[in-house]
Protein backbone atom coordinates (compact mmCIF):
# COMPACT_ATOMS: atom_id res chain seq x y z
CA MET A 1 -0.54 14.03 -10.21
CA ASP A 2 3.19 14.40 -11.03
CA PHE A 3 5.43 11.99 -12.46
CA VAL A 4 8.95 11.43 -11.20
CA THR A 5 11.65 9.01 -12.53
CA ARG A 6 13.06 5.96 -11.12
CA LYS A 7 16.28 7.88 -10.73
CA GLN A 8 14.50 10.90 -8.76
CA CYS A 9 12.60 8.20 -6.68
CA ALA A 10 15.86 6.45 -5.75
CA ALA A 11 17.44 9.85 -4.88
CA VAL A 12 14.72 10.44 -2.70
CA VAL A 13 14.60 7.14 -0.83
CA ILE A 14 18.93 6.95 -0.48
CA ALA A 15 18.43 10.65 0.98
CA ALA A 16 15.85 9.41 3.59
CA ALA A 17 18.17 6.43 4.20
CA LEU A 18 20.95 8.65 4.75
CA ALA A 19 19.23 11.15 6.84
CA PHE A 20 17.79 8.33 9.21
CA GLY A 21 21.00 7.01 9.26
CA VAL A 22 20.15 3.73 7.72
CA LEU A 23 22.87 3.94 4.79
CA ALA A 24 26.64 5.13 5.45
CA ALA A 25 26.97 5.57 1.73
CA ALA A 26 24.82 5.41 -1.25
CA PRO A 27 24.80 1.84 -3.08
CA SER A 28 25.43 1.78 -6.84
CA THR A 29 22.98 0.14 -8.85
CA ALA A 30 23.15 0.44 -12.67
CA ALA A 31 20.30 -1.05 -14.58
CA ALA A 32 19.20 -0.70 -18.17
CA VAL A 33 15.39 0.41 -18.07
CA PRO A 34 13.63 0.42 -21.52
CA ALA A 35 12.57 4.21 -22.36
CA ASP A 36 8.96 3.54 -22.02
CA HIS A 37 9.19 2.14 -18.46
CA VAL A 38 11.41 5.28 -16.81
CA ALA A 39 8.08 7.13 -15.39
CA THR A 40 6.70 6.03 -11.92
CA LYS A 41 3.31 7.58 -11.34
CA ALA A 42 3.27 8.98 -7.92
CA GLN A 43 -0.08 8.66 -6.27
CA GLU A 44 -1.59 11.26 -4.19
CA VAL A 45 -0.54 10.89 -0.45
CA ALA A 46 -1.82 13.79 2.08
CA PRO A 47 0.99 16.11 2.11
CA SER A 48 2.33 15.68 5.65
CA THR A 49 2.50 11.66 5.06
CA ASP A 50 6.12 10.18 4.41
CA THR A 51 6.32 7.38 2.15
CA ILE A 52 9.22 5.32 1.31
CA SER A 53 9.56 3.69 -2.58
CA VAL A 54 11.33 0.00 -2.66
CA THR A 55 11.61 -2.45 -5.16
CA GLY A 56 11.24 -6.01 -5.38
CA HIS A 57 12.27 -8.72 -7.68
CA GLY A 58 10.02 -11.81 -8.34
CA HIS A 59 10.86 -14.94 -10.60
CA ALA A 60 9.07 -17.94 -11.92
CA GLU A 61 9.56 -20.54 -14.65
CA GLY A 62 7.73 -23.80 -15.65
CA PRO A 63 5.47 -25.36 -18.47
CA SER A 64 3.94 -22.48 -20.62
CA ASP A 65 1.18 -21.77 -17.98
CA ARG A 66 1.60 -17.76 -18.51
CA ASP A 67 -1.04 -16.51 -16.06
CA ARG A 68 0.32 -19.14 -13.62
CA LEU A 69 3.69 -18.36 -13.69
CA MET A 70 3.03 -14.34 -13.50
CA GLU A 71 0.93 -14.81 -10.56
CA GLN A 72 4.14 -16.57 -9.03
CA ALA A 73 6.43 -14.17 -10.10
CA ARG A 74 4.30 -10.95 -8.98
CA LYS A 75 3.71 -12.54 -5.35
CA ALA A 76 7.53 -13.03 -4.84
CA ALA A 77 8.35 -9.14 -6.18
CA LEU A 78 5.54 -7.75 -3.97
CA ARG A 79 6.43 -9.85 -1.01
CA ASP A 80 10.16 -9.15 -1.74
CA ALA A 81 9.34 -5.25 -1.92
CA HIS A 82 7.36 -5.37 1.76
CA ALA A 83 9.85 -7.35 3.51
CA ARG A 84 12.20 -4.67 2.14
CA ALA A 85 9.84 -1.67 3.11
CA GLU A 86 9.30 -3.17 6.66
CA GLN A 87 13.13 -3.62 7.20
CA TYR A 88 13.61 0.06 6.36
CA ALA A 89 10.56 1.11 8.07
CA ARG A 90 11.85 -0.58 11.63
CA LEU A 91 15.71 0.91 10.85
CA ALA A 92 14.08 3.87 10.71
CA GLY A 93 12.34 3.75 13.96
CA ARG A 94 8.86 3.63 12.14
CA GLN A 95 6.19 1.46 11.51
CA LEU A 96 5.11 0.64 7.52
CA GLY A 97 1.26 2.09 6.68
CA ARG A 98 -0.78 1.20 3.87
CA LEU A 99 0.49 0.39 0.12
CA VAL A 100 0.09 3.33 -1.89
CA SER A 101 0.84 2.48 -5.35
CA VAL A 102 2.84 -0.44 -7.24
CA HIS A 103 4.60 -0.24 -10.74
CA GLU A 104 5.46 -3.21 -12.63
CA ASP A 105 8.10 -4.19 -15.12
CA ALA A 106 7.82 -7.90 -16.72
CA LEU A 107 10.01 -10.04 -18.78
CA GLU A 108 9.09 -13.15 -20.31
CA GLU A 109 11.15 -15.31 -22.28
CA GLU A 110 10.83 -18.97 -24.03
CA PRO A 111 14.22 -20.22 -24.17
CA VAL A 112 12.70 -23.67 -25.04
CA PRO A 113 9.39 -24.10 -26.78
CA GLY A 114 7.04 -25.20 -23.82
CA HIS A 115 9.03 -23.49 -20.91
CA ILE A 116 8.54 -20.15 -19.88
CA GLU A 117 10.56 -17.77 -17.74
CA VAL A 118 8.98 -14.70 -16.24
CA ARG A 119 10.77 -11.73 -14.17
CA VAL A 120 9.06 -9.36 -12.19
CA THR A 121 10.06 -5.98 -10.77
CA VAL A 122 7.93 -3.85 -8.96
CA THR A 123 8.60 -0.47 -7.21
CA ALA A 124 6.10 -0.34 -4.03
CA VAL A 125 5.04 2.88 -2.30
CA TYR A 126 4.16 2.97 1.26
CA GLU A 127 3.29 5.35 3.92
CA LEU A 128 5.26 5.31 6.88
CA ARG A 129 3.61 5.94 10.28
């Protein structure tokens, strides 16, 4: 299996969107990413299979029930990524296939004692049909 950087994944997604006429120009999105979260593991997919990589975001906050908040944020992030993938597939005249891989980055903060904020970002790779 190969490893690719997020920048390489984003370049492929933007190039595909430009090729399908989904984007007129590549948007600029800059974000600081910790060095230990830069690599995204690419899953093995049949060579003739097209894929799309999308990012989704989720947020949850409340009393200090970390597991429940993390689950809520994960659900929201994956739901967001799936919706984006469906939209890109539809705009490209394709159908969304199975989920191939998911990479997660999570941030948990406790701004005041007993109150937790969780932010989850997922990068999801789907097959296109």
